[in-house]
């Protein structure tokens, strides 16, 4: 006896344009040349990374980059610090730059629109590729924080400028801005959050309320996945986070359930399709 589940994939889920752009570039080169190096995971989704590795993509870290000469290396959507470009010149590496335009614009603003005495704060995830690239634009002088409490013991000047990693929550950014102003700082706040990402919050709120259960598909490393899953859970208690089909648990479902599938900006559509087929076969 089957569950007879009615399953719908959220039309607005799946790759953002920055990721589509990077993967298209990688696939073009792989189809022609059979191999390509990529600095860091091309996307925070293990399933998609494995698919591209099978086509010849080789994922390397910054240490391995130092050893590499006379090769093509893809810069993924998250962008890179200036030191990476300098190293590429020194090692005769051809960079295939798939940095997301939203990230590049932000890097440019951080690098070029400040006096030396201005303290730059970046609301972002420690160690995240995009954040490392942003901090690199300031020669490491910007202060990165995930939570305001981290700034409690930091001596800050009166004049500060606030930026955000492009995939952070808009609401949280404005809460931080208001709090810093209320503490008496002379604050310039630059809302640098990608609207393609932030619009997903509202779309998801509408989407998840139409279903009995929600299956949210995302890589464990995706920052944006964590934020979007929280949105699902807030508006539909019966939301479940999975990274692959094997993690589906039949006990989550009842007969004739209406199920919505959605994902992060790093979740490939083929993976959500696979989850849908699996659910329909229960």
C-alpha atoms as a PDB file:
ATOM      1  CA  UNK A   1       0.000   0.000   0.000  1.00  0.00           C
ATOM      2  CA  UNK A   2       1.440   3.386  -1.013  1.00  0.00           C
ATOM      3  CA  UNK A   3       1.272   6.789   0.622  1.00  0.00           C
ATOM      4  CA  UNK A   4      -0.187   8.430  -2.484  1.00  0.00           C
ATOM      5  CA  UNK A   5       1.694  11.663  -1.787  1.00  0.00           C
ATOM      6  CA  UNK A   6       0.967  14.806  -3.773  1.00  0.00           C
ATOM      7  CA  UNK A   7       4.377  16.428  -4.380  1.00  0.00           C
ATOM      8  CA  UNK A   8       5.216  19.909  -5.727  1.00  0.00           C
ATOM      9  CA  UNK A   9       8.625  21.532  -6.256  1.00  0.00           C
ATOM     10  CA  UNK A  10       8.918  25.235  -5.478  1.00  0.00           C
ATOM     11  CA  UNK A  11       9.437  27.008  -8.822  1.00  0.00           C
ATOM     12  CA  UNK A  12      11.626  29.730  -7.324  1.00  0.00           C
ATOM     13  CA  UNK A  13      14.012  27.349  -5.537  1.00  0.00           C
ATOM     14  CA  UNK A  14      17.297  26.170  -6.996  1.00  0.00           C
ATOM     15  CA  UNK A  15      20.432  27.888  -8.234  1.00  0.00           C
ATOM     16  CA  UNK A  16      20.767  31.657  -8.143  1.00  0.00           C
ATOM     17  CA  UNK A  17      22.222  33.264 -11.273  1.00  0.00           C
ATOM     18  CA  UNK A  18      25.709  33.493  -9.734  1.00  0.00           C
ATOM     19  CA  UNK A  19      25.856  29.725  -9.327  1.00  0.00           C
ATOM     20  CA  UNK A  20      24.322  29.039 -12.754  1.00  0.00           C
ATOM     21  CA  UNK A  21      26.975  31.288 -14.296  1.00  0.00           C
ATOM     22  CA  UNK A  22      29.869  29.520 -12.525  1.00  0.00           C
ATOM     23  CA  UNK A  23      28.618  26.025 -13.361  1.00  0.00           C
ATOM     24  CA  UNK A  24      27.935  26.914 -17.015  1.00  0.00           C
ATOM     25  CA  UNK A  25      31.492  28.240 -17.328  1.00  0.00           C
ATOM     26  CA  UNK A  26      32.928  25.111 -15.719  1.00  0.00           C
ATOM     27  CA  UNK A  27      30.892  22.774 -17.917  1.00  0.00           C
ATOM     28  CA  UNK A  28      31.915  24.572 -21.106  1.00  0.00           C
ATOM     29  CA  UNK A  29      35.597  24.138 -20.292  1.00  0.00           C
ATOM     30  CA  UNK A  30      35.165  20.550 -19.082  1.00  0.00           C
ATOM     31  CA  UNK A  31      33.335  19.603 -22.297  1.00  0.00           C
ATOM     32  CA  UNK A  32      36.170  21.049 -24.378  1.00  0.00           C
ATOM     33  CA  UNK A  33      39.241  20.223 -22.320  1.00  0.00           C
ATOM     34  CA  UNK A  34      38.259  17.385 -19.985  1.00  0.00           C
ATOM     35  CA  UNK A  35      39.705  18.952 -16.834  1.00  0.00           C
ATOM     36  CA  UNK A  36      39.604  22.178 -14.858  1.00  0.00           C
ATOM     37  CA  UNK A  37      40.790  23.233 -11.406  1.00  0.00           C
ATOM     38  CA  UNK A  38      38.373  25.039  -9.105  1.00  0.00           C
ATOM     39  CA  UNK A  39      39.420  26.957  -5.995  1.00  0.00           C
ATOM     40  CA  UNK A  40      37.136  25.618  -3.251  1.00  0.00           C
ATOM     41  CA  UNK A  41      33.822  23.823  -3.753  1.00  0.00           C
ATOM     42  CA  UNK A  42      32.193  25.330  -6.855  1.00  0.00           C
ATOM     43  CA  UNK A  43      28.894  25.299  -4.939  1.00  0.00           C
ATOM     44  CA  UNK A  44      28.047  24.295  -1.362  1.00  0.00           C
ATOM     45  CA  UNK A  45      26.291  21.128  -2.476  1.00  0.00           C
ATOM     46  CA  UNK A  46      28.143  17.800  -2.346  1.00  0.00           C
ATOM     47  CA  UNK A  47      25.854  16.090  -4.866  1.00  0.00           C
ATOM     48  CA  UNK A  48      26.466  18.751  -7.528  1.00  0.00           C
ATOM     49  CA  UNK A  49      30.202  18.841  -6.777  1.00  0.00           C
ATOM     50  CA  UNK A  50      30.383  15.051  -7.296  1.00  0.00           C
ATOM     51  CA  UNK A  51      28.541  15.358 -10.613  1.00  0.00           C
ATOM     52  CA  UNK A  52      31.094  17.905 -11.866  1.00  0.00           C
ATOM     53  CA  UNK A  53      34.075  15.984 -10.478  1.00  0.00           C
ATOM     54  CA  UNK A  54      32.953  13.046 -12.610  1.00  0.00           C
ATOM     55  CA  UNK A  55      33.285  15.385 -15.627  1.00  0.00           C
ATOM     56  CA  UNK A  56      36.858  16.280 -14.658  1.00  0.00           C
ATOM     57  CA  UNK A  57      36.551  19.166 -12.174  1.00  0.00           C
ATOM     58  CA  UNK A  58      39.381  19.122  -9.626  1.00  0.00           C
ATOM     59  CA  UNK A  59      38.695  20.967  -6.379  1.00  0.00           C
ATOM     60  CA  UNK A  60      41.789  22.525  -4.789  1.00  0.00           C
ATOM     61  CA  UNK A  61      42.445  24.727  -1.754  1.00  0.00           C
ATOM     62  CA  UNK A  62      44.700  27.768  -1.442  1.00  0.00           C
ATOM     63  CA  UNK A  63      47.677  25.683  -0.347  1.00  0.00           C
ATOM     64  CA  UNK A  64      47.431  23.530  -3.467  1.00  0.00           C
ATOM     65  CA  UNK A  65      47.076  26.681  -5.564  1.00  0.00           C
ATOM     66  CA  UNK A  66      50.595  27.709  -4.496  1.00  0.00           C
ATOM     67  CA  UNK A  67      51.929  24.481  -6.027  1.00  0.00           C
ATOM     68  CA  UNK A  68      50.030  24.862  -9.308  1.00  0.00           C
ATOM     69  CA  UNK A  69      51.586  26.370 -12.449  1.00  0.00           C
ATOM     70  CA  UNK A  70      50.471  26.999 -16.068  1.00  0.00           C
ATOM     71  CA  UNK A  71      46.897  25.785 -15.497  1.00  0.00           C
ATOM     72  CA  UNK A  72      43.353  27.128 -15.734  1.00  0.00           C
ATOM     73  CA  UNK A  73      41.659  27.750 -12.402  1.00  0.00           C
ATOM     74  CA  UNK A  74      38.020  28.681 -11.867  1.00  0.00           C
ATOM     75  CA  UNK A  75      37.142  31.349  -9.294  1.00  0.00           C
ATOM     76  CA  UNK A  76      33.668  30.426  -8.068  1.00  0.00           C
ATOM     77  CA  UNK A  77      30.725  32.751  -7.420  1.00  0.00           C
ATOM     78  CA  UNK A  78      31.882  33.640  -3.868  1.00  0.00           C
ATOM     79  CA  UNK A  79      34.824  35.655  -5.233  1.00  0.00           C
ATOM     80  CA  UNK A  80      38.428  35.849  -4.018  1.00  0.00           C
ATOM     81  CA  UNK A  81      40.801  38.190  -2.203  1.00  0.00           C
ATOM     82  CA  UNK A  82      43.375  40.252  -4.200  1.00  0.00           C
ATOM     83  CA  UNK A  83      46.186  37.939  -3.019  1.00  0.00           C
ATOM     84  CA  UNK A  84      44.724  35.109  -5.129  1.00  0.00           C
ATOM     85  CA  UNK A  85      45.001  37.211  -8.291  1.00  0.00           C
ATOM     86  CA  UNK A  86      48.590  38.149  -7.411  1.00  0.00           C
ATOM     87  CA  UNK A  87      49.495  34.484  -6.924  1.00  0.00           C
ATOM     88  CA  UNK A  88      47.898  33.582 -10.262  1.00  0.00           C
ATOM     89  CA  UNK A  89      50.148  36.101 -12.023  1.00  0.00           C
ATOM     90  CA  UNK A  90      53.220  34.738 -10.272  1.00  0.00           C
ATOM     91  CA  UNK A  91      52.369  31.102 -11.126  1.00  0.00           C
ATOM     92  CA  UNK A  92      51.225  31.797 -14.693  1.00  0.00           C
ATOM     93  CA  UNK A  93      47.701  30.590 -13.946  1.00  0.00           C
ATOM     94  CA  UNK A  94      44.778  31.517 -16.169  1.00  0.00           C
ATOM     95  CA  UNK A  95      41.885  32.514 -13.928  1.00  0.00           C
ATOM     96  CA  UNK A  96      38.394  31.783 -15.178  1.00  0.00           C
ATOM     97  CA  UNK A  97      36.609  34.346 -13.055  1.00  0.00           C
ATOM     98  CA  UNK A  98      33.040  33.330 -12.267  1.00  0.00           C
ATOM     99  CA  UNK A  99      32.715  35.680  -9.269  1.00  0.00           C
ATOM    100  CA  UNK A 100      29.075  36.679  -8.893  1.00  0.00           C
ATOM    101  CA  UNK A 101      28.461  40.248 -10.150  1.00  0.00           C
ATOM    102  CA  UNK A 102      26.706  41.120  -6.862  1.00  0.00           C
ATOM    103  CA  UNK A 103      29.795  40.017  -4.913  1.00  0.00           C
ATOM    104  CA  UNK A 104      32.189  41.832  -7.275  1.00  0.00           C
ATOM    105  CA  UNK A 105      30.241  45.058  -6.896  1.00  0.00           C
ATOM    106  CA  UNK A 106      30.425  44.700  -3.104  1.00  0.00           C
ATOM    107  CA  UNK A 107      34.189  43.945  -3.205  1.00  0.00           C
ATOM    108  CA  UNK A 108      34.683  47.055  -5.279  1.00  0.00           C
ATOM    109  CA  UNK A 109      32.735  49.270  -2.858  1.00  0.00           C
ATOM    110  CA  UNK A 110      34.610  47.948   0.165  1.00  0.00           C
ATOM    111  CA  UNK A 111      37.943  48.437  -1.556  1.00  0.00           C
ATOM    112  CA  UNK A 112      37.449  51.859  -3.110  1.00  0.00           C
ATOM    113  CA  UNK A 113      35.018  53.959  -1.115  1.00  0.00           C
ATOM    114  CA  UNK A 114      36.743  54.477   2.235  1.00  0.00           C
ATOM    115  CA  UNK A 115      39.191  56.685   4.078  1.00  0.00           C
ATOM    116  CA  UNK A 116      42.010  54.890   5.835  1.00  0.00           C
ATOM    117  CA  UNK A 117      40.767  55.798   9.292  1.00  0.00           C
ATOM    118  CA  UNK A 118      37.277  54.370   8.752  1.00  0.00           C
ATOM    119  CA  UNK A 119      36.512  51.110  10.590  1.00  0.00           C
ATOM    120  CA  UNK A 120      34.700  48.629   8.356  1.00  0.00           C
ATOM    121  CA  UNK A 121      32.440  46.002   9.900  1.00  0.00           C
ATOM    122  CA  UNK A 122      31.253  43.002   7.885  1.00  0.00           C
ATOM    123  CA  UNK A 123      28.194  41.117   9.089  1.00  0.00           C
ATOM    124  CA  UNK A 124      29.018  37.624   7.838  1.00  0.00           C
ATOM    125  CA  UNK A 125      29.996  34.073   8.614  1.00  0.00           C
ATOM    126  CA  UNK A 126      33.557  33.572   9.878  1.00  0.00           C
ATOM    127  CA  UNK A 127      35.686  31.619   7.429  1.00  0.00           C
ATOM    128  CA  UNK A 128      33.113  31.794   4.618  1.00  0.00           C
ATOM    129  CA  UNK A 129      34.695  32.088   1.175  1.00  0.00           C
ATOM    130  CA  UNK A 130      32.839  35.281   0.278  1.00  0.00           C
ATOM    131  CA  UNK A 131      33.722  36.897   3.615  1.00  0.00           C
ATOM    132  CA  UNK A 132      37.428  36.022   3.256  1.00  0.00           C
ATOM    133  CA  UNK A 133      37.355  37.676  -0.179  1.00  0.00           C
ATOM    134  CA  UNK A 134      35.654  40.785   1.236  1.00  0.00           C
ATOM    135  CA  UNK A 135      38.054  41.082   4.147  1.00  0.00           C
ATOM    136  CA  UNK A 136      40.929  40.735   1.671  1.00  0.00           C
ATOM    137  CA  UNK A 137      39.787  43.952  -0.020  1.00  0.00           C
ATOM    138  CA  UNK A 138      40.569  45.800   3.229  1.00  0.00           C
ATOM    139  CA  UNK A 139      44.010  44.196   3.752  1.00  0.00           C
ATOM    140  CA  UNK A 140      42.447  42.271   6.612  1.00  0.00           C
ATOM    141  CA  UNK A 141      41.498  45.429   8.535  1.00  0.00           C
ATOM    142  CA  UNK A 142      37.736  44.916   8.469  1.00  0.00           C
ATOM    143  CA  UNK A 143      36.149  43.282  11.513  1.00  0.00           C
ATOM    144  CA  UNK A 144      33.923  40.302  10.715  1.00  0.00           C
ATOM    145  CA  UNK A 145      31.144  39.320  13.126  1.00  0.00           C
ATOM    146  CA  UNK A 146      28.240  36.876  13.034  1.00  0.00           C
ATOM    147  CA  UNK A 147      26.591  38.213  16.141  1.00  0.00           C
ATOM    148  CA  UNK A 148      26.603  41.640  17.799  1.00  0.00           C
ATOM    149  CA  UNK A 149      27.837  40.139  21.089  1.00  0.00           C
ATOM    150  CA  UNK A 150      31.200  39.575  19.373  1.00  0.00           C
ATOM    151  CA  UNK A 151      31.693  43.358  19.250  1.00  0.00           C
ATOM    152  CA  UNK A 152      31.111  43.889  22.990  1.00  0.00           C
ATOM    153  CA  UNK A 153      34.815  43.718  23.851  1.00  0.00           C
ATOM    154  CA  UNK A 154      36.118  45.455  20.739  1.00  0.00           C
ATOM    155  CA  UNK A 155      37.319  49.071  20.884  1.00  0.00           C
ATOM    156  CA  UNK A 156      35.459  50.705  17.999  1.00  0.00           C
ATOM    157  CA  UNK A 157      35.884  54.292  16.798  1.00  0.00           C
ATOM    158  CA  UNK A 158      32.807  56.488  16.552  1.00  0.00           C
ATOM    159  CA  UNK A 159      32.815  56.343  12.744  1.00  0.00           C
ATOM    160  CA  UNK A 160      32.002  52.922  11.441  1.00  0.00           C
ATOM    161  CA  UNK A 161      30.759  51.537   8.152  1.00  0.00           C
ATOM    162  CA  UNK A 162      28.661  48.399   8.063  1.00  0.00           C
ATOM    163  CA  UNK A 163      28.474  45.915   5.191  1.00  0.00           C
ATOM    164  CA  UNK A 164      26.880  42.518   4.888  1.00  0.00           C
ATOM    165  CA  UNK A 165      27.774  39.224   3.262  1.00  0.00           C
ATOM    166  CA  UNK A 166      25.389  39.029   0.277  1.00  0.00           C
ATOM    167  CA  UNK A 167      23.372  36.045   1.577  1.00  0.00           C
ATOM    168  CA  UNK A 168      22.603  37.266   5.103  1.00  0.00           C
ATOM    169  CA  UNK A 169      19.108  37.985   6.427  1.00  0.00           C
ATOM    170  CA  UNK A 170      17.867  41.491   5.599  1.00  0.00           C
ATOM    171  CA  UNK A 171      15.882  41.716   8.855  1.00  0.00           C
ATOM    172  CA  UNK A 172      18.914  40.823  10.940  1.00  0.00           C
ATOM    173  CA  UNK A 173      21.060  43.353   9.059  1.00  0.00           C
ATOM    174  CA  UNK A 174      18.617  46.183   9.868  1.00  0.00           C
ATOM    175  CA  UNK A 175      18.315  45.078  13.511  1.00  0.00           C
ATOM    176  CA  UNK A 176      22.114  45.305  13.790  1.00  0.00           C
ATOM    177  CA  UNK A 177      22.119  48.707  12.095  1.00  0.00           C
ATOM    178  CA  UNK A 178      19.478  50.094  14.492  1.00  0.00           C
ATOM    179  CA  UNK A 179      21.249  48.656  17.523  1.00  0.00           C
ATOM    180  CA  UNK A 180      24.622  50.204  16.566  1.00  0.00           C
ATOM    181  CA  UNK A 181      22.994  53.595  15.970  1.00  0.00           C
ATOM    182  CA  UNK A 182      21.242  53.351  19.338  1.00  0.00           C
ATOM    183  CA  UNK A 183      24.660  52.751  20.954  1.00  0.00           C
ATOM    184  CA  UNK A 184      25.728  56.153  19.661  1.00  0.00           C
ATOM    185  CA  UNK A 185      27.921  55.187  16.718  1.00  0.00           C
ATOM    186  CA  UNK A 186      28.152  57.402  13.674  1.00  0.00           C
ATOM    187  CA  UNK A 187      27.182  54.639  11.297  1.00  0.00           C
ATOM    188  CA  UNK A 188      27.091  54.359   7.528  1.00  0.00           C
ATOM    189  CA  UNK A 189      25.175  51.190   6.663  1.00  0.00           C
ATOM    190  CA  UNK A 190      25.413  49.638   3.211  1.00  0.00           C
ATOM    191  CA  UNK A 191      22.718  47.069   2.593  1.00  0.00           C
ATOM    192  CA  UNK A 192      24.670  44.774   0.255  1.00  0.00           C
ATOM    193  CA  UNK A 193      22.363  41.761   0.462  1.00  0.00           C
ATOM    194  CA  UNK A 194      21.489  40.052  -2.804  1.00  0.00           C
ATOM    195  CA  UNK A 195      17.832  40.613  -3.578  1.00  0.00           C
ATOM    196  CA  UNK A 196      17.595  37.370  -5.524  1.00  0.00           C
ATOM    197  CA  UNK A 197      18.367  35.638  -2.230  1.00  0.00           C
ATOM    198  CA  UNK A 198      16.323  37.858   0.074  1.00  0.00           C
ATOM    199  CA  UNK A 199      13.237  37.661  -2.194  1.00  0.00           C
ATOM    200  CA  UNK A 200      13.302  33.925  -1.618  1.00  0.00           C
ATOM    201  CA  UNK A 201      12.383  34.464   2.035  1.00  0.00           C
ATOM    202  CA  UNK A 202       9.040  35.996   1.106  1.00  0.00           C
ATOM    203  CA  UNK A 203       8.434  33.471  -1.675  1.00  0.00           C
ATOM    204  CA  UNK A 204       9.179  30.612   0.729  1.00  0.00           C
ATOM    205  CA  UNK A 205       6.840  31.964   3.401  1.00  0.00           C
ATOM    206  CA  UNK A 206       4.007  31.851   0.872  1.00  0.00           C
ATOM    207  CA  UNK A 207       5.054  28.472  -0.537  1.00  0.00           C
ATOM    208  CA  UNK A 208       5.462  26.494   2.698  1.00  0.00           C
ATOM    209  CA  UNK A 209       2.087  27.493   4.143  1.00  0.00           C
ATOM    210  CA  UNK A 210       0.315  25.586   1.334  1.00  0.00           C
ATOM    211  CA  UNK A 211       1.583  22.127   2.295  1.00  0.00           C
ATOM    212  CA  UNK A 212       1.222  19.518   5.058  1.00  0.00           C
ATOM    213  CA  UNK A 213       4.951  18.760   5.025  1.00  0.00           C
ATOM    214  CA  UNK A 214       8.004  20.517   3.602  1.00  0.00           C
ATOM    215  CA  UNK A 215      11.180  18.782   2.446  1.00  0.00           C
ATOM    216  CA  UNK A 216      14.011  21.305   2.292  1.00  0.00           C
ATOM    217  CA  UNK A 217      16.955  20.073   0.222  1.00  0.00           C
ATOM    218  CA  UNK A 218      20.358  21.664   0.783  1.00  0.00           C
ATOM    219  CA  UNK A 219      24.035  20.967   1.330  1.00  0.00           C
ATOM    220  CA  UNK A 220      25.132  21.024   4.972  1.00  0.00           C
ATOM    221  CA  UNK A 221      27.771  23.714   4.198  1.00  0.00           C
ATOM    222  CA  UNK A 222      25.355  26.193   2.623  1.00  0.00           C
ATOM    223  CA  UNK A 223      24.949  29.372   4.735  1.00  0.00           C
ATOM    224  CA  UNK A 224      21.967  30.373   2.722  1.00  0.00           C
ATOM    225  CA  UNK A 225      20.482  26.892   3.193  1.00  0.00           C
ATOM    226  CA  UNK A 226      20.491  27.299   6.962  1.00  0.00           C
ATOM    227  CA  UNK A 227      18.773  30.686   6.758  1.00  0.00           C
ATOM    228  CA  UNK A 228      16.127  29.502   4.273  1.00  0.00           C
ATOM    229  CA  UNK A 229      15.428  26.323   6.250  1.00  0.00           C
ATOM    230  CA  UNK A 230      14.765  28.485   9.340  1.00  0.00           C
ATOM    231  CA  UNK A 231      12.197  30.412   7.280  1.00  0.00           C
ATOM    232  CA  UNK A 232      10.493  27.113   6.334  1.00  0.00           C
ATOM    233  CA  UNK A 233      10.456  25.871   9.925  1.00  0.00           C
ATOM    234  CA  UNK A 234       9.073  29.164  11.201  1.00  0.00           C
ATOM    235  CA  UNK A 235       6.123  29.094   8.804  1.00  0.00           C
ATOM    236  CA  UNK A 236       5.591  25.331   8.677  1.00  0.00           C
ATOM    237  CA  UNK A 237       6.551  23.265  11.740  1.00  0.00           C
ATOM    238  CA  UNK A 238       6.559  20.085   9.639  1.00  0.00           C
ATOM    239  CA  UNK A 239       9.695  21.046   7.691  1.00  0.00           C
ATOM    240  CA  UNK A 240      12.524  18.546   7.256  1.00  0.00           C
ATOM    241  CA  UNK A 241      16.104  19.285   6.147  1.00  0.00           C
ATOM    242  CA  UNK A 242      17.795  16.697   3.919  1.00  0.00           C
ATOM    243  CA  UNK A 243      20.954  16.731   1.780  1.00  0.00           C
ATOM    244  CA  UNK A 244      20.170  13.683  -0.343  1.00  0.00           C
ATOM    245  CA  UNK A 245      17.439  11.153  -1.127  1.00  0.00           C
ATOM    246  CA  UNK A 246      18.863   8.610   1.347  1.00  0.00           C
ATOM    247  CA  UNK A 247      17.962  10.928   4.245  1.00  0.00           C
ATOM    248  CA  UNK A 248      14.211  10.784   3.536  1.00  0.00           C
ATOM    249  CA  UNK A 249      12.306   9.019   6.298  1.00  0.00           C
ATOM    250  CA  UNK A 250       8.940   7.438   5.324  1.00  0.00           C
ATOM    251  CA  UNK A 251       7.751   7.876   8.924  1.00  0.00           C
ATOM    252  CA  UNK A 252       7.528  11.627   8.348  1.00  0.00           C
ATOM    253  CA  UNK A 253       4.557  11.187   6.015  1.00  0.00           C
ATOM    254  CA  UNK A 254       0.899  10.233   6.186  1.00  0.00           C
ATOM    255  CA  UNK A 255      -1.386   8.981   3.422  1.00  0.00           C
ATOM    256  CA  UNK A 256      -2.458  11.675   0.927  1.00  0.00           C
ATOM    257  CA  UNK A 257      -0.092  14.308   2.339  1.00  0.00           C
ATOM    258  CA  UNK A 258       0.492  17.408   0.253  1.00  0.00           C
ATOM    259  CA  UNK A 259       4.262  17.875   0.180  1.00  0.00           C
ATOM    260  CA  UNK A 260       6.301  20.864  -0.936  1.00  0.00           C
ATOM    261  CA  UNK A 261       9.956  20.533  -1.935  1.00  0.00           C
ATOM    262  CA  UNK A 262      12.236  23.561  -1.833  1.00  0.00           C
ATOM    263  CA  UNK A 263      15.939  24.303  -1.548  1.00  0.00           C
ATOM    264  CA  UNK A 264      18.809  26.746  -1.207  1.00  0.00           C
ATOM    265  CA  UNK A 265      20.389  28.934  -3.903  1.00  0.00           C
ATOM    266  CA  UNK A 266      23.033  26.184  -4.115  1.00  0.00           C
ATOM    267  CA  UNK A 267      20.586  23.273  -4.549  1.00  0.00           C
ATOM    268  CA  UNK A 268      20.438  21.829  -8.085  1.00  0.00           C
ATOM    269  CA  UNK A 269      16.986  21.323  -9.598  1.00  0.00           C
ATOM    270  CA  UNK A 270      17.895  17.735 -10.631  1.00  0.00           C
ATOM    271  CA  UNK A 271      18.346  16.846  -6.959  1.00  0.00           C
ATOM    272  CA  UNK A 272      14.907  18.214  -6.038  1.00  0.00           C
ATOM    273  CA  UNK A 273      13.436  16.249  -8.986  1.00  0.00           C
ATOM    274  CA  UNK A 274      15.104  13.097  -7.638  1.00  0.00           C
ATOM    275  CA  UNK A 275      13.567  13.704  -4.198  1.00  0.00           C
ATOM    276  CA  UNK A 276      10.150  14.193  -5.827  1.00  0.00           C
ATOM    277  CA  UNK A 277      10.387  10.860  -7.685  1.00  0.00           C
ATOM    278  CA  UNK A 278      11.440   9.090  -4.499  1.00  0.00           C
ATOM    279  CA  UNK A 279       8.503  10.569  -2.546  1.00  0.00           C
ATOM    280  CA  UNK A 280       6.033   9.630  -5.280  1.00  0.00           C
ATOM    281  CA  UNK A 281       7.278   6.041  -5.188  1.00  0.00           C
ATOM    282  CA  UNK A 282       6.716   5.640  -1.421  1.00  0.00           C
END
